Amino acid sequence: MRTADGTPLIVKQPQAVDRFDAQLHAYRHWAPALDGHVPDLVAADRDTRVLVFSKMPGEIGDGSVSTSLEAGRLLLLLNGAEPPTPMVGLGR
């Protein structure tokens, strides 16, 4: 999709509300830790389950070692995005 001025956007519509909620939570709480390596959340509407994102420049990773290392670095940032929370009852 493109805006009136030609800016490209990505539109997603998860089928289930819980998936929409999970993705919205991730973009609001975890994506900022990735420091510009993920699209910006432009708009979200829970009633229609629509998420709108900016389009990142470039193409999908090429599978090279450098791409894999960058993905690992970003995953480390993502894992540290929120403080850990106790998992009550995990042992059961």
PDB file of N, CA and C in Angstrom:
ATOM      1  N   MET A   1       0.847  -1.164   0.000  1.00  0.00           N
ATOM      2  CA  MET A   1       0.000   0.000   0.000  1.00  0.00           C
ATOM      3  C   MET A   1       0.895   1.231   0.000  1.00  0.00           C
ATOM      4  N   ARG A   2       0.416   2.324  -0.545  1.00  0.00           N
ATOM      5  CA  ARG A   2       1.152   3.594  -0.550  1.00  0.00           C
ATOM      6  C   ARG A   2       0.245   4.722  -0.058  1.00  0.00           C
ATOM      7  N   THR A   3       0.856   5.685   0.609  1.00  0.00           N
ATOM      8  CA  THR A   3       0.117   6.866   1.025  1.00  0.00           C
ATOM      9  C   THR A   3      -0.121   7.759  -0.192  1.00  0.00           C
ATOM     10  N   ALA A   4      -0.881   8.826  -0.016  1.00  0.00           N
ATOM     11  CA  ALA A   4      -1.174   9.746  -1.115  1.00  0.00           C
ATOM     12  C   ALA A   4       0.096  10.343  -1.714  1.00  0.00           C
ATOM     13  N   ASP A   5       1.142  10.512  -0.882  1.00  0.00           N
ATOM     14  CA  ASP A   5       2.394  11.070  -1.409  1.00  0.00           C
ATOM     15  C   ASP A   5       3.363   9.999  -1.900  1.00  0.00           C
ATOM     16  N   GLY A   6       2.916   8.741  -1.951  1.00  0.00           N
ATOM     17  CA  GLY A   6       3.729   7.669  -2.506  1.00  0.00           C
ATOM     18  C   GLY A   6       4.574   6.896  -1.509  1.00  0.00           C
ATOM     19  N   THR A   7       4.495   7.221  -0.232  1.00  0.00           N
ATOM     20  CA  THR A   7       5.267   6.506   0.784  1.00  0.00           C
ATOM     21  C   THR A   7       4.752   5.071   0.916  1.00  0.00           C
ATOM     22  N   PRO A   8       5.642   4.067   0.776  1.00  0.00           N
ATOM     23  CA  PRO A   8       5.187   2.680   0.889  1.00  0.00           C
ATOM     24  C   PRO A   8       4.915   2.282   2.343  1.00  0.00           C
ATOM     25  N   LEU A   9       3.868   1.500   2.537  1.00  0.00           N
ATOM     26  CA  LEU A   9       3.491   0.990   3.852  1.00  0.00           C
ATOM     27  C   LEU A   9       3.237  -0.512   3.754  1.00  0.00           C
ATOM     28  N   ILE A  10       3.352  -1.186   4.884  1.00  0.00           N
ATOM     29  CA  ILE A  10       3.004  -2.599   4.989  1.00  0.00           C
ATOM     30  C   ILE A  10       1.764  -2.693   5.873  1.00  0.00           C
ATOM     31  N   VAL A  11       0.747  -3.428   5.425  1.00  0.00           N
ATOM     32  CA  VAL A  11      -0.487  -3.596   6.181  1.00  0.00           C
ATOM     33  C   VAL A  11      -0.640  -5.075   6.516  1.00  0.00           C
ATOM     34  N   LYS A  12      -0.879  -5.361   7.793  1.00  0.00           N
ATOM     35  CA  LYS A  12      -1.096  -6.739   8.246  1.00  0.00           C
ATOM     36  C   LYS A  12      -2.449  -6.815   8.933  1.00  0.00           C
ATOM     37  N   GLN A  13      -3.086  -7.987   8.825  1.00  0.00           N
ATOM     38  CA  GLN A  13      -4.341  -8.208   9.531  1.00  0.00           C
ATOM     39  C   GLN A  13      -4.338  -9.630  10.076  1.00  0.00           C
ATOM     40  N   PRO A  14      -3.788  -9.820  11.283  1.00  0.00           N
ATOM     41  CA  PRO A  14      -3.820 -11.157  11.879  1.00  0.00           C
ATOM     42  C   PRO A  14      -5.265 -11.648  12.002  1.00  0.00           C
ATOM     43  N   GLN A  15      -5.465 -12.940  11.778  1.00  0.00           N
ATOM     44  CA  GLN A  15      -6.819 -13.488  11.827  1.00  0.00           C
ATOM     45  C   GLN A  15      -7.406 -13.470  13.228  1.00  0.00           C
ATOM     46  N   ALA A  16      -6.581 -13.741  14.231  1.00  0.00           N
ATOM     47  CA  ALA A  16      -7.080 -13.843  15.609  1.00  0.00           C
ATOM     48  C   ALA A  16      -6.719 -12.588  16.405  1.00  0.00           C
ATOM     49  N   VAL A  17      -7.629 -12.178  17.271  1.00  0.00           N
ATOM     50  CA  VAL A  17      -7.412 -10.996  18.098  1.00  0.00           C
ATOM     51  C   VAL A  17      -6.197 -11.187  19.007  1.00  0.00           C
ATOM     52  N   ASP A  18      -5.986 -12.402  19.522  1.00  0.00           N
ATOM     53  CA  ASP A  18      -4.837 -12.608  20.413  1.00  0.00           C
ATOM     54  C   ASP A  18      -3.520 -12.422  19.664  1.00  0.00           C
ATOM     55  N   ARG A  19      -3.464 -12.795  18.387  1.00  0.00           N
ATOM     56  CA  ARG A  19      -2.252 -12.567  17.580  1.00  0.00           C
ATOM     57  C   ARG A  19      -2.051 -11.075  17.323  1.00  0.00           C
ATOM     58  N   PHE A  20      -3.150 -10.365  17.055  1.00  0.00           N
ATOM     59  CA  PHE A  20      -3.076  -8.917  16.890  1.00  0.00           C
ATOM     60  C   PHE A  20      -2.522  -8.280  18.164  1.00  0.00           C
ATOM     61  N   ASP A  21      -3.092  -8.673  19.313  1.00  0.00           N
ATOM     62  CA  ASP A  21      -2.648  -8.111  20.593  1.00  0.00           C
ATOM     63  C   ASP A  21      -1.171  -8.397  20.842  1.00  0.00           C
ATOM     64  N   ALA A  22      -0.731  -9.622  20.536  1.00  0.00           N
ATOM     65  CA  ALA A  22       0.671  -9.997  20.747  1.00  0.00           C
ATOM     66  C   ALA A  22       1.595  -9.164  19.847  1.00  0.00           C
ATOM     67  N   GLN A  23       1.225  -8.998  18.589  1.00  0.00           N
ATOM     68  CA  GLN A  23       2.064  -8.226  17.671  1.00  0.00           C
ATOM     69  C   GLN A  23       2.092  -6.746  18.054  1.00  0.00           C
ATOM     70  N   LEU A  24       0.945  -6.221  18.457  1.00  0.00           N
ATOM     71  CA  LEU A  24       0.896  -4.822  18.878  1.00  0.00           C
ATOM     72  C   LEU A  24       1.752  -4.611  20.126  1.00  0.00           C
ATOM     73  N   HIS A  25       1.652  -5.528  21.077  1.00  0.00           N
ATOM     74  CA  HIS A  25       2.471  -5.447  22.294  1.00  0.00           C
ATOM     75  C   HIS A  25       3.958  -5.467  21.940  1.00  0.00           C
ATOM     76  N   ALA A  26       4.342  -6.367  21.047  1.00  0.00           N
ATOM     77  CA  ALA A  26       5.747  -6.477  20.646  1.00  0.00           C
ATOM     78  C   ALA A  26       6.240  -5.171  20.028  1.00  0.00           C
ATOM     79  N   TYR A  27       5.448  -4.570  19.172  1.00  0.00           N
ATOM     80  CA  TYR A  27       5.885  -3.332  18.535  1.00  0.00           C
ATOM     81  C   TYR A  27       5.911  -2.159  19.493  1.00  0.00           C
ATOM     82  N   ARG A  28       5.034  -2.169  20.475  1.00  0.00           N
ATOM     83  CA  ARG A  28       5.026  -1.059  21.426  1.00  0.00           C
ATOM     84  C   ARG A  28       6.086  -1.212  22.517  1.00  0.00           C
ATOM     85  N   HIS A  29       6.395  -2.454  22.899  1.00  0.00           N
ATOM     86  CA  HIS A  29       7.272  -2.666  24.053  1.00  0.00           C
ATOM     87  C   HIS A  29       8.654  -3.203  23.707  1.00  0.00           C
ATOM     88  N   TRP A  30       8.780  -3.990  22.657  1.00  0.00           N
ATOM     89  CA  TRP A  30      10.057  -4.628  22.356  1.00  0.00           C
ATOM     90  C   TRP A  30      10.769  -4.000  21.165  1.00  0.00           C
ATOM     91  N   ALA A  31      10.034  -3.603  20.164  1.00  0.00           N
ATOM     92  CA  ALA A  31      10.659  -3.065  18.953  1.00  0.00           C
ATOM     93  C   ALA A  31      11.557  -1.856  19.221  1.00  0.00           C
ATOM     94  N   PRO A  32      11.215  -0.961  20.166  1.00  0.00           N
ATOM     95  CA  PRO A  32      12.124   0.163  20.408  1.00  0.00           C
ATOM     96  C   PRO A  32      13.545  -0.282  20.782  1.00  0.00           C
ATOM     97  N   ALA A  33      13.701  -1.447  21.370  1.00  0.00           N
ATOM     98  CA  ALA A  33      15.034  -1.939  21.737  1.00  0.00           C
ATOM     99  C   ALA A  33      15.858  -2.300  20.508  1.00  0.00           C
ATOM    100  N   LEU A  34      15.217  -2.471  19.374  1.00  0.00           N
ATOM    101  CA  LEU A  34      15.928  -2.850  18.154  1.00  0.00           C
ATOM    102  C   LEU A  34      16.445  -1.643  17.385  1.00  0.00           C
ATOM    103  N   ASP A  35      16.257  -0.466  17.933  1.00  0.00           N
ATOM    104  CA  ASP A  35      16.921   0.747  17.485  1.00  0.00           C
ATOM    105  C   ASP A  35      16.931   0.950  15.967  1.00  0.00           C
ATOM    106  N   GLY A  36      15.740   1.041  15.387  1.00  0.00           N
ATOM    107  CA  GLY A  36      15.658   1.344  13.966  1.00  0.00           C
ATOM    108  C   GLY A  36      15.851   0.180  13.023  1.00  0.00           C
ATOM    109  N   HIS A  37      15.939  -1.037  13.543  1.00  0.00           N
ATOM    110  CA  HIS A  37      16.116  -2.214  12.698  1.00  0.00           C
ATOM    111  C   HIS A  37      14.796  -2.921  12.401  1.00  0.00           C
ATOM    112  N   VAL A  38      13.702  -2.315  12.794  1.00  0.00           N
ATOM    113  CA  VAL A  38      12.371  -2.845  12.497  1.00  0.00           C
ATOM    114  C   VAL A  38      11.517  -1.698  11.970  1.00  0.00           C
ATOM    115  N   PRO A  39      10.478  -2.014  11.223  1.00  0.00           N
ATOM    116  CA  PRO A  39       9.602  -0.940  10.738  1.00  0.00           C
ATOM    117  C   PRO A  39       8.950  -0.187  11.892  1.00  0.00           C
ATOM    118  N   ASP A  40       8.555   1.039  11.631  1.00  0.00           N
ATOM    119  CA  ASP A  40       7.800   1.815  12.616  1.00  0.00           C
ATOM    120  C   ASP A  40       6.335   1.408  12.558  1.00  0.00           C
ATOM    121  N   LEU A  41       5.700   1.341  13.714  1.00  0.00           N
ATOM    122  CA  LEU A  41       4.257   1.128  13.767  1.00  0.00           C
ATOM    123  C   LEU A  41       3.598   2.461  13.452  1.00  0.00           C
ATOM    124  N   VAL A  42       2.853   2.517  12.351  1.00  0.00           N
ATOM    125  CA  VAL A  42       2.214   3.753  11.897  1.00  0.00           C
ATOM    126  C   VAL A  42       0.813   3.875  12.467  1.00  0.00           C
ATOM    127  N   ALA A  43       0.075   2.765  12.489  1.00  0.00           N
ATOM    128  CA  ALA A  43      -1.304   2.785  12.976  1.00  0.00           C
ATOM    129  C   ALA A  43      -1.717   1.371  13.384  1.00  0.00           C
ATOM    130  N   ALA A  44      -2.693   1.291  14.281  1.00  0.00           N
ATOM    131  CA  ALA A  44      -3.240   0.006  14.712  1.00  0.00           C
ATOM    132  C   ALA A  44      -4.708   0.202  15.066  1.00  0.00           C
ATOM    133  N   ASP A  45      -5.531  -0.753  14.655  1.00  0.00           N
ATOM    134  CA  ASP A  45      -6.957  -0.706  14.976  1.00  0.00           C
ATOM    135  C   ASP A  45      -7.393  -2.096  15.419  1.00  0.00           C
ATOM    136  N   ARG A  46      -7.710  -2.234  16.703  1.00  0.00           N
ATOM    137  CA  ARG A  46      -8.055  -3.549  17.248  1.00  0.00           C
ATOM    138  C   ARG A  46      -9.393  -4.057  16.712  1.00  0.00           C
ATOM    139  N   ASP A  47     -10.354  -3.171  16.487  1.00  0.00           N
ATOM    140  CA  ASP A  47     -11.660  -3.609  15.992  1.00  0.00           C
ATOM    141  C   ASP A  47     -11.551  -4.352  14.660  1.00  0.00           C
ATOM    142  N   THR A  48     -10.680  -3.877  13.784  1.00  0.00           N
ATOM    143  CA  THR A  48     -10.509  -4.525  12.481  1.00  0.00           C
ATOM    144  C   THR A  48      -9.254  -5.404  12.426  1.00  0.00           C
ATOM    145  N   ARG A  49      -8.464  -5.409  13.514  1.00  0.00           N
ATOM    146  CA  ARG A  49      -7.208  -6.169  13.630  1.00  0.00           C
ATOM    147  C   ARG A  49      -6.198  -5.746  12.558  1.00  0.00           C
ATOM    148  N   VAL A  50      -6.164  -4.467  12.234  1.00  0.00           N
ATOM    149  CA  VAL A  50      -5.255  -3.973  11.201  1.00  0.00           C
ATOM    150  C   VAL A  50      -4.054  -3.290  11.856  1.00  0.00           C
ATOM    151  N   LEU A  51      -2.856  -3.673  11.386  1.00  0.00           N
ATOM    152  CA  LEU A  51      -1.598  -3.057  11.792  1.00  0.00           C
ATOM    153  C   LEU A  51      -0.963  -2.454  10.540  1.00  0.00           C
ATOM    154  N   VAL A  52      -0.484  -1.222  10.646  1.00  0.00           N
ATOM    155  CA  VAL A  52       0.155  -0.553   9.519  1.00  0.00           C
ATOM    156  C   VAL A  52       1.567  -0.173   9.940  1.00  0.00           C
ATOM    157  N   PHE A  53       2.552  -0.554   9.094  1.00  0.00           N
ATOM    158  CA  PHE A  53       3.956  -0.316   9.385  1.00  0.00           C
ATOM    159  C   PHE A  53       4.615   0.441   8.244  1.00  0.00           C
ATOM    160  N   SER A  54       5.698   1.151   8.591  1.00  0.00           N
ATOM    161  CA  SER A  54       6.536   1.724   7.549  1.00  0.00           C
ATOM    162  C   SER A  54       7.239   0.579   6.835  1.00  0.00           C
ATOM    163  N   LYS A  55       7.693   0.824   5.626  1.00  0.00           N
ATOM    164  CA  LYS A  55       8.444  -0.196   4.892  1.00  0.00           C
ATOM    165  C   LYS A  55       9.922   0.101   5.054  1.00  0.00           C
ATOM    166  N   MET A  56      10.668  -0.918   5.488  1.00  0.00           N
ATOM    167  CA  MET A  56      12.118  -0.785   5.637  1.00  0.00           C
ATOM    168  C   MET A  56      12.763  -0.844   4.258  1.00  0.00           C
ATOM    169  N   PRO A  57      13.845  -0.117   4.069  1.00  0.00           N
ATOM    170  CA  PRO A  57      14.554  -0.214   2.789  1.00  0.00           C
ATOM    171  C   PRO A  57      15.263  -1.560   2.660  1.00  0.00           C
ATOM    172  N   GLY A  58      15.516  -1.973   1.449  1.00  0.00           N
ATOM    173  CA  GLY A  58      16.279  -3.195   1.221  1.00  0.00           C
ATOM    174  C   GLY A  58      15.398  -4.406   0.992  1.00  0.00           C
ATOM    175  N   GLU A  59      16.059  -5.554   0.981  1.00  0.00           N
ATOM    176  CA  GLU A  59      15.402  -6.830   0.710  1.00  0.00           C
ATOM    177  C   GLU A  59      15.577  -7.767   1.897  1.00  0.00           C
ATOM    178  N   ILE A  60      14.918  -8.900   1.846  1.00  0.00           N
ATOM    179  CA  ILE A  60      15.054  -9.915   2.879  1.00  0.00           C
ATOM    180  C   ILE A  60      16.496 -10.400   2.905  1.00  0.00           C
ATOM    181  N   GLY A  61      16.994 -10.773   4.087  1.00  0.00           N
ATOM    182  CA  GLY A  61      18.380 -11.200   4.264  1.00  0.00           C
ATOM    183  C   GLY A  61      18.837 -12.214   3.230  1.00  0.00           C
ATOM    184  N   ASP A  62      20.118 -12.183   2.931  1.00  0.00           N
ATOM    185  CA  ASP A  62      20.675 -13.010   1.874  1.00  0.00           C
ATOM    186  C   ASP A  62      21.228 -14.346   2.362  1.00  0.00           C
ATOM    187  N   GLY A  63      21.157 -14.613   3.652  1.00  0.00           N
ATOM    188  CA  GLY A  63      21.650 -15.886   4.172  1.00  0.00           C
ATOM    189  C   GLY A  63      23.148 -15.905   4.404  1.00  0.00           C
ATOM    190  N   SER A  64      23.828 -14.778   4.246  1.00  0.00           N
ATOM    191  CA  SER A  64      25.272 -14.726   4.450  1.00  0.00           C
ATOM    192  C   SER A  64      25.602 -14.768   5.940  1.00  0.00           C
ATOM    193  N   VAL A  65      26.857 -15.009   6.240  1.00  0.00           N
ATOM    194  CA  VAL A  65      27.320 -15.031   7.636  1.00  0.00           C
ATOM    195  C   VAL A  65      27.079 -13.672   8.278  1.00  0.00           C
ATOM    196  N   SER A  66      27.354 -12.585   7.563  1.00  0.00           N
ATOM    197  CA  SER A  66      27.163 -11.259   8.158  1.00  0.00           C
ATOM    198  C   SER A  66      25.689 -10.988   8.469  1.00  0.00           C
ATOM    199  N   THR A  67      24.795 -11.467   7.612  1.00  0.00           N
ATOM    200  CA  THR A  67      23.365 -11.309   7.878  1.00  0.00           C
ATOM    201  C   THR A  67      22.961 -12.117   9.104  1.00  0.00           C
ATOM    202  N   SER A  68      23.478 -13.324   9.230  1.00  0.00           N
ATOM    203  CA  SER A  68      23.179 -14.164  10.392  1.00  0.00           C
ATOM    204  C   SER A  68      23.707 -13.542  11.677  1.00  0.00           C
ATOM    205  N   LEU A  69      24.899 -12.983  11.629  1.00  0.00           N
ATOM    206  CA  LEU A  69      25.463 -12.328  12.809  1.00  0.00           C
ATOM    207  C   LEU A  69      24.632 -11.115  13.217  1.00  0.00           C
ATOM    208  N   GLU A  70      24.182 -10.348  12.224  1.00  0.00           N
ATOM    209  CA  GLU A  70      23.333  -9.184  12.516  1.00  0.00           C
ATOM    210  C   GLU A  70      22.010  -9.633  13.123  1.00  0.00           C
ATOM    211  N   ALA A  71      21.430 -10.700  12.604  1.00  0.00           N
ATOM    212  CA  ALA A  71      20.183 -11.227  13.167  1.00  0.00           C
ATOM    213  C   ALA A  71      20.389 -11.655  14.617  1.00  0.00           C
ATOM    214  N   GLY A  72      21.504 -12.296  14.906  1.00  0.00           N
ATOM    215  CA  GLY A  72      21.808 -12.698  16.282  1.00  0.00           C
ATOM    216  C   GLY A  72      21.975 -11.502  17.199  1.00  0.00           C
ATOM    217  N   ARG A  73      22.634 -10.452  16.699  1.00  0.00           N
ATOM    218  CA  ARG A  73      22.810  -9.231  17.499  1.00  0.00           C
ATOM    219  C   ARG A  73      21.461  -8.587  17.813  1.00  0.00           C
ATOM    220  N   LEU A  74      20.574  -8.564  16.825  1.00  0.00           N
ATOM    221  CA  LEU A  74      19.246  -7.987  17.039  1.00  0.00           C
ATOM    222  C   LEU A  74      18.417  -8.846  17.988  1.00  0.00           C
ATOM    223  N   LEU A  75      18.554 -10.167  17.897  1.00  0.00           N
ATOM    224  CA  LEU A  75      17.837 -11.051  18.814  1.00  0.00           C
ATOM    225  C   LEU A  75      18.296 -10.817  20.248  1.00  0.00           C
ATOM    226  N   LEU A  76      19.581 -10.597  20.457  1.00  0.00           N
ATOM    227  CA  LEU A  76      20.101 -10.293  21.783  1.00  0.00           C
ATOM    228  C   LEU A  76      19.492  -8.998  22.311  1.00  0.00           C
ATOM    229  N   LEU A  77      19.393  -7.971  21.467  1.00  0.00           N
ATOM    230  CA  LEU A  77      18.746  -6.720  21.875  1.00  0.00           C
ATOM    231  C   LEU A  77      17.283  -6.948  22.234  1.00  0.00           C
ATOM    232  N   LEU A  78      16.604  -7.752  21.430  1.00  0.00           N
ATOM    233  CA  LEU A  78      15.192  -8.037  21.677  1.00  0.00           C
ATOM    234  C   LEU A  78      15.004  -8.765  23.001  1.00  0.00           C
ATOM    235  N   ASN A  79      15.884  -9.714  23.285  1.00  0.00           N
ATOM    236  CA  ASN A  79      15.776 -10.466  24.541  1.00  0.00           C
ATOM    237  C   ASN A  79      15.969  -9.577  25.763  1.00  0.00           C
ATOM    238  N   GLY A  80      16.689  -8.492  25.621  1.00  0.00           N
ATOM    239  CA  GLY A  80      16.895  -7.580  26.735  1.00  0.00           C
ATOM    240  C   GLY A  80      15.933  -6.407  26.760  1.00  0.00           C
ATOM    241  N   ALA A  81      14.910  -6.436  25.934  1.00  0.00           N
ATOM    242  CA  ALA A  81      14.008  -5.296  25.785  1.00  0.00           C
ATOM    243  C   ALA A  81      13.156  -5.033  27.015  1.00  0.00           C
ATOM    244  N   GLU A  82      12.754  -6.058  27.719  1.00  0.00           N
ATOM    245  CA  GLU A  82      11.940  -5.892  28.916  1.00  0.00           C
ATOM    246  C   GLU A  82      12.589  -6.674  30.037  1.00  0.00           C
ATOM    247  N   PRO A  83      12.421  -6.203  31.267  1.00  0.00           N
ATOM    248  CA  PRO A  83      12.980  -6.975  32.383  1.00  0.00           C
ATOM    249  C   PRO A  83      12.283  -8.330  32.489  1.00  0.00           C
ATOM    250  N   PRO A  84      13.013  -9.344  32.955  1.00  0.00           N
ATOM    251  CA  PRO A  84      12.386 -10.657  33.096  1.00  0.00           C
ATOM    252  C   PRO A  84      11.261 -10.626  34.128  1.00  0.00           C
ATOM    253  N   THR A  85      10.263 -11.469  33.919  1.00  0.00           N
ATOM    254  CA  THR A  85       9.155 -11.578  34.873  1.00  0.00           C
ATOM    255  C   THR A  85       9.097 -13.015  35.373  1.00  0.00           C
ATOM    256  N   PRO A  86       8.742 -13.200  36.642  1.00  0.00           N
ATOM    257  CA  PRO A  86       8.651 -14.555  37.195  1.00  0.00           C
ATOM    258  C   PRO A  86       7.592 -15.379  36.459  1.00  0.00           C
ATOM    259  N   MET A  87       7.891 -16.638  36.230  1.00  0.00           N
ATOM    260  CA  MET A  87       6.923 -17.527  35.600  1.00  0.00           C
ATOM    261  C   MET A  87       6.344 -18.437  36.687  1.00  0.00           C
ATOM    262  N   VAL A  88       5.319 -17.949  37.321  1.00  0.00           N
ATOM    263  CA  VAL A  88       4.684 -18.655  38.424  1.00  0.00           C
ATOM    264  C   VAL A  88       4.128 -19.991  37.915  1.00  0.00           C
ATOM    265  N   GLY A  89       4.451 -21.053  38.612  1.00  0.00           N
ATOM    266  CA  GLY A  89       3.924 -22.363  38.267  1.00  0.00           C
ATOM    267  C   GLY A  89       4.655 -23.057  37.130  1.00  0.00           C
ATOM    268  N   LEU A  90       5.801 -22.546  36.696  1.00  0.00           N
ATOM    269  CA  LEU A  90       6.515 -23.140  35.574  1.00  0.00           C
ATOM    270  C   LEU A  90       6.901 -24.592  35.870  1.00  0.00           C
ATOM    271  N   GLY A  91       7.299 -24.870  37.077  1.00  0.00           N
ATOM    272  CA  GLY A  91       7.726 -26.232  37.441  1.00  0.00           C
ATOM    273  C   GLY A  91       6.611 -27.255  37.348  1.00  0.00           C
ATOM    274  N   ARG A  92       5.393 -26.821  37.536  1.00  0.00           N
ATOM    275  CA  ARG A  92       4.258 -27.738  37.453  1.00  0.00           C
ATOM    276  C   ARG A  92       3.998 -28.087  36.023  1.00  0.00           C
TER     277      ARG A  92
END
